[in-house]
Amino acid sequence: MQVNTNINKTDLYTKYEEVKIQKKEEIKSSYSDLRSQLQKNSMGFSSLSMDAQAKVSGSAKGQMDLNQKDFQSFLKDIGYNGKNIADLSQSEAKKLVADDGFFGVTKTAQRIADFVVNGAGDNEGMLRAGRSGIMQGFNDAQKAWGDKLPDISQQTITKATELINQKMTDLGYSVLDTNA
């Protein structure tokens, strides 16, 4: 049996380059889809977190349009297993939004930042998309409320952003948007 060794290397290289370019485009598209999904999910997570925090803090003005079942499901998903928010006494609500409370600035900001960081890993573009998403979610929540969100929510989004920025800095990324 004789093996043909007259393979045209130029043809092989051209085909290899075509496949490489195609795969690169598929990866870019997939990455873009993932980044977009993280941004969208971060936006929703942030918006729902702001709404929950504002409701518990007693600022029930202009509540977001979310049915009770979905809202309770969100609360369960983030680890809240306490009393129904609508049934909280003023004292119970104050404990939940206190500095060390479940809906306090520190714990809520940490949950939001963790959502982004866990979804993005060490990827700069994903971290930026997640950070952008939480800011958009905050702005959407503010629009839904028809006014400025309570101070606790303002402090929370600031702290969550700082935590994400710190992660980016720790990884050696600039926190400034270089596309601006």
C-alpha atoms as a PDB file:
ATOM      1  CA  MET A   1       0.000   0.000   0.000  1.00  0.00           C
ATOM      2  CA  GLN A   2       1.316   3.354  -0.980  1.00  0.00           C
ATOM      3  CA  VAL A   3       0.537   6.588   0.902  1.00  0.00           C
ATOM      4  CA  ASN A   4       0.222   9.772  -1.070  1.00  0.00           C
ATOM      5  CA  THR A   5       2.550  12.371   0.427  1.00  0.00           C
ATOM      6  CA  ASN A   6       1.769  15.031  -2.163  1.00  0.00           C
ATOM      7  CA  ILE A   7      -0.668  16.927   0.051  1.00  0.00           C
ATOM      8  CA  ASN A   8      -0.971  20.574  -0.840  1.00  0.00           C
ATOM      9  CA  LYS A   9       0.093  22.357   2.347  1.00  0.00           C
ATOM     10  CA  THR A  10      -1.348  25.665   1.159  1.00  0.00           C
ATOM     11  CA  ASP A  11      -4.818  24.116   0.850  1.00  0.00           C
ATOM     12  CA  LEU A  12      -4.526  22.554   4.300  1.00  0.00           C
ATOM     13  CA  TYR A  13      -3.402  25.834   5.844  1.00  0.00           C
ATOM     14  CA  THR A  14      -6.229  27.731   4.134  1.00  0.00           C
ATOM     15  CA  LYS A  15      -8.825  25.257   5.404  1.00  0.00           C
ATOM     16  CA  TYR A  16      -7.301  25.399   8.882  1.00  0.00           C
ATOM     17  CA  GLU A  17      -7.512  29.208   8.879  1.00  0.00           C
ATOM     18  CA  GLU A  18     -11.136  29.092   7.692  1.00  0.00           C
ATOM     19  CA  VAL A  19     -12.092  26.704  10.499  1.00  0.00           C
ATOM     20  CA  LYS A  20     -10.152  28.770  13.026  1.00  0.00           C
ATOM     21  CA  ILE A  21     -11.929  31.985  11.959  1.00  0.00           C
ATOM     22  CA  GLN A  22     -15.324  30.250  12.053  1.00  0.00           C
ATOM     23  CA  LYS A  23     -14.697  28.871  15.552  1.00  0.00           C
ATOM     24  CA  LYS A  24     -13.436  32.243  16.744  1.00  0.00           C
ATOM     25  CA  GLU A  25     -16.649  33.903  15.500  1.00  0.00           C
ATOM     26  CA  GLU A  26     -18.764  31.199  17.187  1.00  0.00           C
ATOM     27  CA  ILE A  27     -16.912  31.757  20.456  1.00  0.00           C
ATOM     28  CA  LYS A  28     -17.293  35.543  20.196  1.00  0.00           C
ATOM     29  CA  SER A  29     -21.001  35.173  19.531  1.00  0.00           C
ATOM     30  CA  SER A  30     -21.415  32.759  22.425  1.00  0.00           C
ATOM     31  CA  TYR A  31     -19.445  35.064  24.739  1.00  0.00           C
ATOM     32  CA  SER A  32     -21.539  38.033  23.654  1.00  0.00           C
ATOM     33  CA  ASP A  33     -24.714  36.052  24.396  1.00  0.00           C
ATOM     34  CA  LEU A  34     -23.399  35.056  27.838  1.00  0.00           C
ATOM     35  CA  ARG A  35     -22.373  38.613  28.647  1.00  0.00           C
ATOM     36  CA  SER A  36     -25.777  39.893  27.574  1.00  0.00           C
ATOM     37  CA  GLN A  37     -27.538  37.250  29.679  1.00  0.00           C
ATOM     38  CA  LEU A  38     -25.446  38.080  32.760  1.00  0.00           C
ATOM     39  CA  GLN A  39     -26.211  41.770  32.303  1.00  0.00           C
ATOM     40  CA  LYS A  40     -29.933  41.044  31.993  1.00  0.00           C
ATOM     41  CA  ASN A  41     -29.939  38.683  34.996  1.00  0.00           C
ATOM     42  CA  SER A  42     -27.931  41.148  37.083  1.00  0.00           C
ATOM     43  CA  MET A  43     -30.388  43.869  36.170  1.00  0.00           C
ATOM     44  CA  GLY A  44     -33.321  41.764  37.362  1.00  0.00           C
ATOM     45  CA  PHE A  45     -31.543  40.640  40.513  1.00  0.00           C
ATOM     46  CA  SER A  46     -30.606  44.201  41.421  1.00  0.00           C
ATOM     47  CA  SER A  47     -34.062  45.546  40.681  1.00  0.00           C
ATOM     48  CA  LEU A  48     -35.791  42.859  42.757  1.00  0.00           C
ATOM     49  CA  SER A  49     -33.303  43.318  45.603  1.00  0.00           C
ATOM     50  CA  MET A  50     -33.957  47.069  45.679  1.00  0.00           C
ATOM     51  CA  ASP A  51     -37.705  46.461  45.643  1.00  0.00           C
ATOM     52  CA  ALA A  52     -37.517  43.949  48.503  1.00  0.00           C
ATOM     53  CA  GLN A  53     -35.298  46.206  50.557  1.00  0.00           C
ATOM     54  CA  ALA A  54     -37.530  49.226  49.994  1.00  0.00           C
ATOM     55  CA  LYS A  55     -40.670  47.255  50.878  1.00  0.00           C
ATOM     56  CA  VAL A  56     -39.156  45.979  54.119  1.00  0.00           C
ATOM     57  CA  SER A  57     -37.917  49.442  55.040  1.00  0.00           C
ATOM     58  CA  GLY A  58     -41.513  50.644  54.861  1.00  0.00           C
ATOM     59  CA  SER A  59     -41.278  52.654  51.662  1.00  0.00           C
ATOM     60  CA  ALA A  60     -44.213  51.012  49.934  1.00  0.00           C
ATOM     61  CA  LYS A  61     -44.788  53.884  47.500  1.00  0.00           C
ATOM     62  CA  GLY A  62     -45.075  52.807  43.843  1.00  0.00           C
ATOM     63  CA  GLN A  63     -44.224  49.134  44.296  1.00  0.00           C
ATOM     64  CA  MET A  64     -42.980  47.246  41.268  1.00  0.00           C
ATOM     65  CA  ASP A  65     -45.481  45.237  39.284  1.00  0.00           C
ATOM     66  CA  LEU A  66     -44.591  41.751  40.464  1.00  0.00           C
ATOM     67  CA  ASN A  67     -47.100  39.201  41.646  1.00  0.00           C
ATOM     68  CA  GLN A  68     -46.829  37.966  45.213  1.00  0.00           C
ATOM     69  CA  LYS A  69     -45.961  34.392  44.217  1.00  0.00           C
ATOM     70  CA  ASP A  70     -42.988  35.521  42.083  1.00  0.00           C
ATOM     71  CA  PHE A  71     -41.828  37.906  44.782  1.00  0.00           C
ATOM     72  CA  GLN A  72     -41.978  35.188  47.463  1.00  0.00           C
ATOM     73  CA  SER A  73     -40.084  32.876  45.124  1.00  0.00           C
ATOM     74  CA  PHE A  74     -37.363  35.505  44.707  1.00  0.00           C
ATOM     75  CA  LEU A  75     -37.105  35.950  48.471  1.00  0.00           C
ATOM     76  CA  LYS A  76     -36.743  32.194  48.939  1.00  0.00           C
ATOM     77  CA  ASP A  77     -34.109  32.058  46.180  1.00  0.00           C
ATOM     78  CA  ILE A  78     -31.961  34.629  47.985  1.00  0.00           C
ATOM     79  CA  GLY A  79     -32.255  32.755  51.262  1.00  0.00           C
ATOM     80  CA  TYR A  80     -34.980  34.679  53.058  1.00  0.00           C
ATOM     81  CA  ASN A  81     -37.136  32.216  54.974  1.00  0.00           C
ATOM     82  CA  GLY A  82     -38.677  34.629  57.419  1.00  0.00           C
ATOM     83  CA  LYS A  83     -42.132  35.985  57.886  1.00  0.00           C
ATOM     84  CA  ASN A  84     -44.093  37.294  54.910  1.00  0.00           C
ATOM     85  CA  ILE A  85     -42.959  40.885  54.393  1.00  0.00           C
ATOM     86  CA  ALA A  86     -46.546  42.150  54.350  1.00  0.00           C
ATOM     87  CA  ASP A  87     -47.060  40.646  57.828  1.00  0.00           C
ATOM     88  CA  LEU A  88     -43.965  42.142  59.495  1.00  0.00           C
ATOM     89  CA  SER A  89     -44.374  44.402  62.471  1.00  0.00           C
ATOM     90  CA  GLN A  90     -42.488  47.685  62.412  1.00  0.00           C
ATOM     91  CA  SER A  91     -40.002  46.259  64.923  1.00  0.00           C
ATOM     92  CA  GLU A  92     -39.402  43.114  62.855  1.00  0.00           C
ATOM     93  CA  ALA A  93     -38.907  45.155  59.688  1.00  0.00           C
ATOM     94  CA  LYS A  94     -36.396  47.439  61.431  1.00  0.00           C
ATOM     95  CA  LYS A  95     -34.345  44.411  62.474  1.00  0.00           C
ATOM     96  CA  LEU A  96     -34.308  43.114  58.897  1.00  0.00           C
ATOM     97  CA  VAL A  97     -33.011  46.404  57.466  1.00  0.00           C
ATOM     98  CA  ALA A  98     -30.561  47.097  60.306  1.00  0.00           C
ATOM     99  CA  ASP A  99     -26.828  47.042  59.539  1.00  0.00           C
ATOM    100  CA  ASP A 100     -26.571  43.330  60.293  1.00  0.00           C
ATOM    101  CA  GLY A 101     -30.085  42.463  59.084  1.00  0.00           C
ATOM    102  CA  PHE A 102     -30.936  40.256  56.122  1.00  0.00           C
ATOM    103  CA  PHE A 103     -32.062  43.263  54.051  1.00  0.00           C
ATOM    104  CA  GLY A 104     -29.456  45.646  55.489  1.00  0.00           C
ATOM    105  CA  VAL A 105     -26.988  47.460  53.252  1.00  0.00           C
ATOM    106  CA  THR A 106     -24.068  45.084  53.847  1.00  0.00           C
ATOM    107  CA  LYS A 107     -25.843  41.765  53.278  1.00  0.00           C
ATOM    108  CA  THR A 108     -27.948  42.953  50.346  1.00  0.00           C
ATOM    109  CA  ALA A 109     -24.948  44.569  48.629  1.00  0.00           C
ATOM    110  CA  GLN A 110     -22.935  41.388  49.181  1.00  0.00           C
ATOM    111  CA  ARG A 111     -25.679  39.247  47.615  1.00  0.00           C
ATOM    112  CA  ILE A 112     -25.860  41.528  44.579  1.00  0.00           C
ATOM    113  CA  ALA A 113     -22.068  41.654  44.153  1.00  0.00           C
ATOM    114  CA  ASP A 114     -21.771  37.882  44.657  1.00  0.00           C
ATOM    115  CA  PHE A 115     -24.411  37.314  41.985  1.00  0.00           C
ATOM    116  CA  VAL A 116     -22.315  39.284  39.484  1.00  0.00           C
ATOM    117  CA  VAL A 117     -18.912  37.948  40.549  1.00  0.00           C
ATOM    118  CA  ASN A 118     -20.067  34.327  40.622  1.00  0.00           C
ATOM    119  CA  GLY A 119     -21.644  34.715  37.195  1.00  0.00           C
ATOM    120  CA  ALA A 120     -18.648  36.519  35.704  1.00  0.00           C
ATOM    121  CA  GLY A 121     -15.768  34.687  37.305  1.00  0.00           C
ATOM    122  CA  ASP A 122     -12.503  36.432  36.493  1.00  0.00           C
ATOM    123  CA  ASN A 123     -13.657  37.665  33.084  1.00  0.00           C
ATOM    124  CA  GLU A 124     -13.353  41.429  32.739  1.00  0.00           C
ATOM    125  CA  GLY A 125     -16.075  41.819  30.116  1.00  0.00           C
ATOM    126  CA  MET A 126     -18.510  39.752  32.146  1.00  0.00           C
ATOM    127  CA  LEU A 127     -17.749  41.738  35.314  1.00  0.00           C
ATOM    128  CA  ARG A 128     -18.387  44.974  33.420  1.00  0.00           C
ATOM    129  CA  ALA A 129     -21.635  43.592  31.975  1.00  0.00           C
ATOM    130  CA  GLY A 130     -22.812  42.488  35.415  1.00  0.00           C
ATOM    131  CA  ARG A 131     -21.923  45.840  36.968  1.00  0.00           C
ATOM    132  CA  SER A 132     -23.767  47.606  34.164  1.00  0.00           C
ATOM    133  CA  GLY A 133     -26.730  45.292  34.714  1.00  0.00           C
ATOM    134  CA  ILE A 134     -27.048  46.039  38.421  1.00  0.00           C
ATOM    135  CA  MET A 135     -26.935  49.764  37.712  1.00  0.00           C
ATOM    136  CA  GLN A 136     -29.644  49.405  35.075  1.00  0.00           C
ATOM    137  CA  GLY A 137     -31.716  47.316  37.497  1.00  0.00           C
ATOM    138  CA  PHE A 138     -31.333  49.988  40.146  1.00  0.00           C
ATOM    139  CA  ASN A 139     -32.436  52.669  37.669  1.00  0.00           C
ATOM    140  CA  ASP A 140     -35.376  50.532  36.548  1.00  0.00           C
ATOM    141  CA  ALA A 141     -36.454  50.022  40.165  1.00  0.00           C
ATOM    142  CA  GLN A 142     -36.209  53.749  40.746  1.00  0.00           C
ATOM    143  CA  LYS A 143     -38.389  54.455  37.689  1.00  0.00           C
ATOM    144  CA  ALA A 144     -40.920  51.834  38.825  1.00  0.00           C
ATOM    145  CA  TRP A 145     -41.143  53.563  42.185  1.00  0.00           C
ATOM    146  CA  GLY A 146     -41.673  56.879  40.451  1.00  0.00           C
ATOM    147  CA  ASP A 147     -39.174  58.631  42.679  1.00  0.00           C
ATOM    148  CA  LYS A 148     -35.774  58.277  44.266  1.00  0.00           C
ATOM    149  CA  LEU A 149     -35.414  54.959  46.097  1.00  0.00           C
ATOM    150  CA  PRO A 150     -34.896  55.090  49.879  1.00  0.00           C
ATOM    151  CA  ASP A 151     -31.436  55.948  51.234  1.00  0.00           C
ATOM    152  CA  ILE A 152     -30.888  52.301  52.198  1.00  0.00           C
ATOM    153  CA  SER A 153     -31.192  51.316  48.538  1.00  0.00           C
ATOM    154  CA  GLN A 154     -28.890  54.158  47.452  1.00  0.00           C
ATOM    155  CA  GLN A 155     -26.275  52.982  49.952  1.00  0.00           C
ATOM    156  CA  THR A 156     -26.731  49.368  48.892  1.00  0.00           C
ATOM    157  CA  ILE A 157     -26.122  49.957  45.182  1.00  0.00           C
ATOM    158  CA  THR A 158     -23.071  52.055  46.019  1.00  0.00           C
ATOM    159  CA  LYS A 159     -21.668  49.284  48.227  1.00  0.00           C
ATOM    160  CA  ALA A 160     -22.450  46.542  45.674  1.00  0.00           C
ATOM    161  CA  THR A 161     -20.690  48.536  42.960  1.00  0.00           C
ATOM    162  CA  GLU A 162     -17.694  49.080  45.242  1.00  0.00           C
ATOM    163  CA  LEU A 163     -17.462  45.318  45.875  1.00  0.00           C
ATOM    164  CA  ILE A 164     -17.517  44.550  42.153  1.00  0.00           C
ATOM    165  CA  ASN A 165     -14.982  47.316  41.496  1.00  0.00           C
ATOM    166  CA  GLN A 166     -12.745  45.845  44.201  1.00  0.00           C
ATOM    167  CA  LYS A 167     -12.905  42.433  42.527  1.00  0.00           C
ATOM    168  CA  MET A 168     -11.944  44.045  39.229  1.00  0.00           C
ATOM    169  CA  THR A 169      -9.068  45.914  40.871  1.00  0.00           C
ATOM    170  CA  ASP A 170      -7.885  42.721  42.586  1.00  0.00           C
ATOM    171  CA  LEU A 171      -7.763  41.070  39.161  1.00  0.00           C
ATOM    172  CA  GLY A 172      -5.764  43.972  37.730  1.00  0.00           C
ATOM    173  CA  TYR A 173      -8.580  45.527  35.694  1.00  0.00           C
ATOM    174  CA  SER A 174      -9.332  49.216  35.564  1.00  0.00           C
ATOM    175  CA  VAL A 175     -12.703  50.102  37.025  1.00  0.00           C
ATOM    176  CA  LEU A 176     -13.052  52.915  34.507  1.00  0.00           C
ATOM    177  CA  ASP A 177     -15.098  52.218  31.406  1.00  0.00           C
ATOM    178  CA  THR A 178     -12.521  52.347  28.645  1.00  0.00           C
ATOM    179  CA  ASN A 179     -15.273  52.403  25.991  1.00  0.00           C
ATOM    180  CA  ALA A 180     -16.628  55.745  27.172  1.00  0.00           C
END
